C-alpha atoms as a PDB file:
ATOM      1  CA  MET A   1      -0.107  -0.114  -0.032  1.00  0.00           C
ATOM      2  CA  ARG A   2       1.065   3.248  -1.258  1.00  0.00           C
ATOM      3  CA  THR A   3       1.611   5.823   1.914  1.00  0.00           C
ATOM      4  CA  ARG A   4      -0.163   9.631   1.145  1.00  0.00           C
ATOM      5  CA  GLY A   5       3.527  11.401   0.900  1.00  0.00           C
ATOM      6  CA  SER A   6       4.187   8.615  -1.835  1.00  0.00           C
ATOM      7  CA  LEU A   7       0.915   8.799  -4.194  1.00  0.00           C
ATOM      8  CA  ASN A   8       1.459  12.911  -3.348  1.00  0.00           C
ATOM      9  CA  SER A   9       5.016  12.107  -5.712  1.00  0.00           C
ATOM     10  CA  LEU A  10       3.166  10.627  -7.775  1.00  0.00           C
ATOM     11  CA  VAL A  11       0.693  12.731  -8.695  1.00  0.00           C
ATOM     12  CA  THR A  12       3.938  15.254  -9.065  1.00  0.00           C
ATOM     13  CA  ILE A  13       5.095  12.756 -11.428  1.00  0.00           C
ATOM     14  CA  VAL A  14       2.112  13.078 -13.567  1.00  0.00           C
ATOM     15  CA  LEU A  15       2.312  17.270 -13.884  1.00  0.00           C
ATOM     16  CA  LEU A  16       5.661  16.328 -14.875  1.00  0.00           C
ATOM     17  CA  LEU A  17       5.076  14.313 -17.757  1.00  0.00           C
ATOM     18  CA  ALA A  18       2.059  16.154 -18.794  1.00  0.00           C
ATOM     19  CA  CYS A  19       4.122  19.033 -19.486  1.00  0.00           C
ATOM     20  CA  SER A  20       6.964  17.723 -20.645  1.00  0.00           C
ATOM     21  CA  GLY A  21       6.050  16.502 -24.318  1.00  0.00           C
ATOM     22  CA  ALA A  22       6.865  13.261 -24.245  1.00  0.00           C
ATOM     23  CA  PRO A  23       5.628  10.824 -26.218  1.00  0.00           C
ATOM     24  CA  ALA A  24       1.620   9.345 -25.824  1.00  0.00           C
ATOM     25  CA  GLY A  25       1.434   6.107 -23.402  1.00  0.00           C
ATOM     26  CA  VAL A  26       4.454   7.057 -21.210  1.00  0.00           C
ATOM     27  CA  TYR A  27       2.675   8.827 -18.680  1.00  0.00           C
ATOM     28  CA  GLU A  28       1.425   5.593 -16.288  1.00  0.00           C
ATOM     29  CA  ASP A  29       4.843   3.829 -16.781  1.00  0.00           C
ATOM     30  CA  MET A  30       7.045   6.559 -15.711  1.00  0.00           C
ATOM     31  CA  VAL A  31       4.664   6.764 -12.374  1.00  0.00           C
ATOM     32  CA  GLN A  32       4.594   2.947 -12.040  1.00  0.00           C
ATOM     33  CA  ALA A  33       8.417   3.064 -12.383  1.00  0.00           C
ATOM     34  CA  VAL A  34       9.477   5.660  -9.555  1.00  0.00           C
ATOM     35  CA  GLY A  35       6.887   3.907  -7.594  1.00  0.00           C
ATOM     36  CA  ASN A  36       8.745   0.968  -7.949  1.00  0.00           C
ATOM     37  CA  ASP A  37      12.244   2.401  -7.990  1.00  0.00           C
ATOM     38  CA  ASP A  38      12.472   0.559 -11.701  1.00  0.00           C
ATOM     39  CA  GLU A  39      15.995   2.652 -13.074  1.00  0.00           C
ATOM     40  CA  ARG A  40      15.892   0.548 -15.914  1.00  0.00           C
ATOM     41  CA  THR A  41      12.732   1.578 -16.941  1.00  0.00           C
ATOM     42  CA  VAL A  42      13.033   5.024 -16.334  1.00  0.00           C
ATOM     43  CA  ALA A  43      16.231   5.210 -18.421  1.00  0.00           C
ATOM     44  CA  SER A  44      14.087   3.301 -21.405  1.00  0.00           C
ATOM     45  CA  LEU A  45      12.082   6.391 -20.889  1.00  0.00           C
ATOM     46  CA  LEU A  46      14.076   9.098 -20.524  1.00  0.00           C
ATOM     47  CA  LYS A  47      15.410   7.583 -23.963  1.00  0.00           C
ATOM     48  CA  ARG A  48      11.663   7.812 -25.219  1.00  0.00           C
ATOM     49  CA  GLY A  49      11.607  11.620 -24.833  1.00  0.00           C
ATOM     50  CA  VAL A  50      10.514  12.249 -21.327  1.00  0.00           C
ATOM     51  CA  ASP A  51      13.052  15.935 -20.713  1.00  0.00           C
ATOM     52  CA  VAL A  52      15.071  14.644 -17.149  1.00  0.00           C
ATOM     53  CA  ASP A  53      14.464  18.638 -16.479  1.00  0.00           C
ATOM     54  CA  THR A  54      10.789  18.723 -16.737  1.00  0.00           C
ATOM     55  CA  VAL A  55       9.393  20.533 -14.516  1.00  0.00           C
ATOM     56  CA  ALA A  56       5.933  20.557 -12.120  1.00  0.00           C
ATOM     57  CA  PRO A  57       4.088  24.374 -11.935  1.00  0.00           C
ATOM     58  CA  ASP A  58       6.036  24.429  -8.223  1.00  0.00           C
ATOM     59  CA  GLY A  59       9.698  23.638  -9.763  1.00  0.00           C
ATOM     60  CA  ASN A  60      10.404  19.678  -8.937  1.00  0.00           C
ATOM     61  CA  THR A  61      12.153  17.680 -11.133  1.00  0.00           C
ATOM     62  CA  LEU A  62      12.145  14.014 -11.489  1.00  0.00           C
ATOM     63  CA  LEU A  63      15.406  14.335 -10.223  1.00  0.00           C
ATOM     64  CA  MET A  64      14.627  16.499  -6.658  1.00  0.00           C
ATOM     65  CA  ILE A  65      11.859  14.342  -6.103  1.00  0.00           C
ATOM     66  CA  ALA A  66      13.919  10.745  -6.378  1.00  0.00           C
ATOM     67  CA  ALA A  67      16.125  12.603  -4.027  1.00  0.00           C
ATOM     68  CA  LYS A  68      14.362  13.496  -1.515  1.00  0.00           C
ATOM     69  CA  ALA A  69      12.742  10.015  -1.705  1.00  0.00           C
ATOM     70  CA  GLY A  70      16.421   9.135  -1.061  1.00  0.00           C
ATOM     71  CA  LYS A  71      15.518   6.666  -4.563  1.00  0.00           C
ATOM     72  CA  VAL A  72      19.589   5.545  -4.747  1.00  0.00           C
ATOM     73  CA  PRO A  73      18.907   3.424  -8.342  1.00  0.00           C
ATOM     74  CA  LEU A  74      16.587   5.983  -9.726  1.00  0.00           C
ATOM     75  CA  VAL A  75      18.830   9.121  -8.316  1.00  0.00           C
ATOM     76  CA  LYS A  76      21.737   7.750 -10.539  1.00  0.00           C
ATOM     77  CA  THR A  77      20.293   7.210 -13.321  1.00  0.00           C
ATOM     78  CA  LEU A  78      18.643  10.414 -13.753  1.00  0.00           C
ATOM     79  CA  LEU A  79      22.072  12.027 -13.019  1.00  0.00           C
ATOM     80  CA  ALA A  80      23.074   9.863 -15.915  1.00  0.00           C
ATOM     81  CA  ALA A  81      21.179  11.680 -18.051  1.00  0.00           C
ATOM     82  CA  ARG A  82      22.922  15.044 -17.314  1.00  0.00           C
ATOM     83  CA  PRO A  83      19.719  16.954 -15.512  1.00  0.00           C
ATOM     84  CA  ARG A  84      20.215  20.230 -14.379  1.00  0.00           C
ATOM     85  CA  VAL A  85      21.437  19.210 -10.886  1.00  0.00           C
ATOM     86  CA  ASN A  86      21.411  22.769  -9.333  1.00  0.00           C
ATOM     87  CA  GLN A  87      18.028  23.304 -10.786  1.00  0.00           C
ATOM     88  CA  ARG A  88      15.640  25.260  -8.372  1.00  0.00           C
ATOM     89  CA  ASN A  89      12.334  25.000  -7.195  1.00  0.00           C
ATOM     90  CA  SER A  90       9.468  27.564  -6.315  1.00  0.00           C
ATOM     91  CA  LEU A  91      10.814  27.491  -3.113  1.00  0.00           C
ATOM     92  CA  GLY A  92      14.516  27.753  -3.765  1.00  0.00           C
ATOM     93  CA  GLU A  93      15.291  24.390  -2.903  1.00  0.00           C
ATOM     94  CA  THR A  94      17.896  22.300  -5.247  1.00  0.00           C
ATOM     95  CA  ALA A  95      17.692  18.562  -5.171  1.00  0.00           C
ATOM     96  CA  LEU A  96      20.634  18.529  -2.771  1.00  0.00           C
ATOM     97  CA  MET A  97      19.057  20.388  -0.135  1.00  0.00           C
ATOM     98  CA  LEU A  98      16.140  18.533  -0.252  1.00  0.00           C
ATOM     99  CA  ALA A  99      18.646  14.801  -0.158  1.00  0.00           C
ATOM    100  CA  ALA A 100      20.052  16.472   2.904  1.00  0.00           C
ATOM    101  CA  PHE A 101      17.142  17.773   5.029  1.00  0.00           C
ATOM    102  CA  ALA A 102      15.899  14.028   4.103  1.00  0.00           C
ATOM    103  CA  GLY A 103      19.201  12.701   5.523  1.00  0.00           C
ATOM    104  CA  ASN A 104      19.812  10.775   2.520  1.00  0.00           C
ATOM    105  CA  LEU A 105      23.567  10.662   2.283  1.00  0.00           C
ATOM    106  CA  GLU A 106      24.252   8.007   0.040  1.00  0.00           C
ATOM    107  CA  VAL A 107      22.123  10.355  -2.111  1.00  0.00           C
ATOM    108  CA  VAL A 108      23.687  14.114  -1.160  1.00  0.00           C
ATOM    109  CA  GLN A 109      27.406  11.972  -2.172  1.00  0.00           C
ATOM    110  CA  LEU A 110      25.821  11.460  -5.498  1.00  0.00           C
ATOM    111  CA  LEU A 111      24.791  14.342  -5.964  1.00  0.00           C
ATOM    112  CA  VAL A 112      28.301  16.505  -4.789  1.00  0.00           C
ATOM    113  CA  GLY A 113      30.089  14.090  -7.273  1.00  0.00           C
ATOM    114  CA  SER A 114      27.937  15.324  -9.555  1.00  0.00           C
ATOM    115  CA  GLY A 115      28.795  18.794  -9.368  1.00  0.00           C
ATOM    116  CA  ALA A 116      25.817  19.682  -6.904  1.00  0.00           C
ATOM    117  CA  GLU A 117      26.296  23.127  -5.553  1.00  0.00           C
ATOM    118  CA  VAL A 118      27.097  23.121  -1.714  1.00  0.00           C
ATOM    119  CA  ASN A 119      27.351  26.442  -1.626  1.00  0.00           C
ATOM    120  CA  GLN A 120      24.289  27.637  -3.061  1.00  0.00           C
ATOM    121  CA  SER A 121      22.981  31.524  -1.877  1.00  0.00           C
ATOM    122  CA  GLY A 122      19.778  31.719   0.837  1.00  0.00           C
ATOM    123  CA  TRP A 123      18.941  28.141   2.634  1.00  0.00           C
ATOM    124  CA  THR A 124      21.838  26.110   2.376  1.00  0.00           C
ATOM    125  CA  SER A 125      22.070  22.207   2.501  1.00  0.00           C
ATOM    126  CA  LEU A 126      23.839  22.371   5.126  1.00  0.00           C
ATOM    127  CA  ILE A 127      21.274  24.796   7.175  1.00  0.00           C
ATOM    128  CA  TYR A 128      18.838  22.007   6.098  1.00  0.00           C
ATOM    129  CA  SER A 129      20.654  19.256   7.574  1.00  0.00           C
ATOM    130  CA  ALA A 130      21.552  21.003  10.543  1.00  0.00           C
ATOM    131  CA  ALA A 131      17.707  21.990  10.842  1.00  0.00           C
ATOM    132  CA  GLN A 132      17.108  17.935  11.244  1.00  0.00           C
ATOM    133  CA  ASN A 133      20.235  16.677  13.227  1.00  0.00           C
ATOM    134  CA  ARG A 134      21.291  15.134   9.751  1.00  0.00           C
ATOM    135  CA  MET A 135      25.292  14.458  11.432  1.00  0.00           C
ATOM    136  CA  GLU A 136      26.473  12.063   8.581  1.00  0.00           C
ATOM    137  CA  VAL A 137      25.360  14.501   6.276  1.00  0.00           C
ATOM    138  CA  ALA A 138      26.634  17.444   7.687  1.00  0.00           C
ATOM    139  CA  ARG A 139      29.696  16.317   8.012  1.00  0.00           C
ATOM    140  CA  LEU A 140      29.990  14.906   4.508  1.00  0.00           C
ATOM    141  CA  LEU A 141      28.727  18.990   3.570  1.00  0.00           C
ATOM    142  CA  LEU A 142      31.167  20.387   5.806  1.00  0.00           C
ATOM    143  CA  LYS A 143      34.414  17.989   4.003  1.00  0.00           C
ATOM    144  CA  SER A 144      32.477  19.134   1.017  1.00  0.00           C
ATOM    145  CA  GLY A 145      33.543  22.820   1.042  1.00  0.00           C
ATOM    146  CA  ALA A 146      30.230  23.657   2.880  1.00  0.00           C
ATOM    147  CA  GLU A 147      30.690  27.394   4.783  1.00  0.00           C
ATOM    148  CA  VAL A 148      29.967  26.687   8.017  1.00  0.00           C
ATOM    149  CA  ASN A 149      28.403  30.598   8.398  1.00  0.00           C
ATOM    150  CA  ALA A 150      26.895  30.953   5.228  1.00  0.00           C
ATOM    151  CA  ARG A 151      23.581  32.978   5.952  1.00  0.00           C
ATOM    152  CA  SER A 152      19.754  32.778   5.042  1.00  0.00           C
ATOM    153  CA  ALA A 153      18.150  35.654   3.164  1.00  0.00           C
ATOM    154  CA  SER A 154      17.471  35.981   6.890  1.00  0.00           C
ATOM    155  CA  GLY A 155      20.003  35.981   8.447  1.00  0.00           C
ATOM    156  CA  THR A 156      19.525  32.174   9.748  1.00  0.00           C
ATOM    157  CA  THR A 157      23.035  30.179   9.953  1.00  0.00           C
ATOM    158  CA  ALA A 158      23.473  26.617  10.670  1.00  0.00           C
ATOM    159  CA  LEU A 159      24.194  26.806  14.151  1.00  0.00           C
ATOM    160  CA  MET A 160      20.807  28.980  14.435  1.00  0.00           C
ATOM    161  CA  MET A 161      19.164  26.477  13.307  1.00  0.00           C
ATOM    162  CA  ALA A 162      21.000  23.297  15.740  1.00  0.00           C
ATOM    163  CA  ALA A 163      20.396  25.444  18.042  1.00  0.00           C
ATOM    164  CA  ARG A 164      17.056  25.980  18.357  1.00  0.00           C
ATOM    165  CA  GLU A 165      15.876  22.995  17.596  1.00  0.00           C
ATOM    166  CA  GLY A 166      18.161  21.189  20.226  1.00  0.00           C
ATOM    167  CA  HIS A 167      20.517  19.096  18.647  1.00  0.00           C
ATOM    168  CA  LEU A 168      23.496  19.344  21.442  1.00  0.00           C
ATOM    169  CA  SER A 169      25.760  17.088  18.799  1.00  0.00           C
ATOM    170  CA  MET A 170      25.276  19.375  16.041  1.00  0.00           C
ATOM    171  CA  VAL A 171      26.041  22.741  17.326  1.00  0.00           C
ATOM    172  CA  LEU A 172      29.439  21.318  18.722  1.00  0.00           C
ATOM    173  CA  LEU A 173      30.067  19.703  15.186  1.00  0.00           C
ATOM    174  CA  LEU A 174      29.653  23.021  13.705  1.00  0.00           C
ATOM    175  CA  MET A 175      31.626  24.827  16.674  1.00  0.00           C
ATOM    176  CA  GLU A 176      34.355  22.734  15.717  1.00  0.00           C
ATOM    177  CA  HIS A 177      34.252  23.896  11.803  1.00  0.00           C
ATOM    178  CA  GLY A 178      34.366  27.223  12.899  1.00  0.00           C
ATOM    179  CA  ALA A 179      30.575  28.590  13.713  1.00  0.00           C
ATOM    180  CA  ASP A 180      30.387  31.866  14.728  1.00  0.00           C
ATOM    181  CA  LEU A 181      28.709  32.085  17.648  1.00  0.00           C
ATOM    182  CA  ASP A 182      27.382  35.693  18.449  1.00  0.00           C
ATOM    183  CA  VAL A 183      26.464  35.936  14.629  1.00  0.00           C
ATOM    184  CA  ARG A 184      22.674  37.812  14.745  1.00  0.00           C
ATOM    185  CA  ASN A 185      19.731  37.093  12.069  1.00  0.00           C
ATOM    186  CA  GLU A 186      17.320  39.939  11.280  1.00  0.00           C
ATOM    187  CA  ASP A 187      15.743  39.828  14.029  1.00  0.00           C
ATOM    188  CA  GLY A 188      18.614  40.164  16.458  1.00  0.00           C
ATOM    189  CA  ALA A 189      18.528  36.747  17.870  1.00  0.00           C
ATOM    190  CA  THR A 190      21.640  34.766  18.842  1.00  0.00           C
ATOM    191  CA  ALA A 191      22.255  30.885  18.717  1.00  0.00           C
ATOM    192  CA  LEU A 192      22.228  31.442  22.514  1.00  0.00           C
ATOM    193  CA  LYS A 193      19.145  33.577  22.559  1.00  0.00           C
ATOM    194  CA  LEU A 194      17.159  31.074  20.071  1.00  0.00           C
ATOM    195  CA  ALA A 195      17.964  27.937  22.451  1.00  0.00           C
ATOM    196  CA  ARG A 196      17.207  29.814  25.131  1.00  0.00           C
ATOM    197  CA  GLU A 197      14.024  30.775  23.544  1.00  0.00           C
ATOM    198  CA  ARG A 198      12.952  27.230  23.268  1.00  0.00           C
ATOM    199  CA  GLY A 199      13.328  25.788  26.221  1.00  0.00           C
ATOM    200  CA  LYS A 200      17.207  24.134  25.389  1.00  0.00           C
ATOM    201  CA  ARG A 201      18.616  24.041  28.174  1.00  0.00           C
ATOM    202  CA  GLU A 202      21.446  21.773  27.743  1.00  0.00           C
ATOM    203  CA  VAL A 203      22.257  23.426  24.295  1.00  0.00           C
ATOM    204  CA  ALA A 204      21.941  27.443  25.844  1.00  0.00           C
ATOM    205  CA  ASP A 205      24.463  26.446  28.727  1.00  0.00           C
ATOM    206  CA  MET A 206      26.976  24.492  26.340  1.00  0.00           C
ATOM    207  CA  LEU A 207      26.686  27.903  24.051  1.00  0.00           C
ATOM    208  CA  ALA A 208      27.065  29.876  27.170  1.00  0.00           C
ATOM    209  CA  ARG A 209      30.273  28.256  28.856  1.00  0.00           C
ATOM    210  CA  ALA A 210      31.641  28.976  25.452  1.00  0.00           C
ATOM    211  CA  GLY A 211      31.273  32.215  25.673  1.00  0.00           C
ATOM    212  CA  ALA A 212      28.298  32.912  23.406  1.00  0.00           C
ATOM    213  CA  LYS A 213      26.424  35.955  23.777  1.00  0.00           C
ATOM    214  CA  GLU A 214      22.612  36.012  24.178  1.00  0.00           C
END
């Protein structure tokens, strides 16, 4: 039985294909292939005319859907078709950001190896991984050159997100890589202030001992 999330993904895929100009009759086949992680069929359908970079109204591509769901074989097949790996959806998210948020480490590795930008402007993959406490993903991104103090449009950093969610191990990892303890977001809040406001006492106490300012 498919979950509501998987059904939503399949509906999105139908929208993708409907806009692609692909030959008639491939829509149902692609839906079934994606749902079954059938990379051979997906590859065959791509050869028949389905554009790997086709987007739905929200801007999500097949690669984004597969990356978020952690469908490794399918991601490999799509990458072999040379998609635009840094394409963004309507929220400014890339396939790498979605994979990082979901904690799909192998997909993150594949995307980085295929040229996905680690330090895109605005919200970054590192900030996404920090918010969800995806430790192994964060380590990989940092090793791949992720800027630890990169800021979103609102001035939010990975450290702020980790602190406000109470992810102590993530906070320590980011500090080890030079995270700025005292940078403020557009509301004037630091990581310490966010931790205290959210009642994350363990993180707040550790940041205070490290000399962070509120």
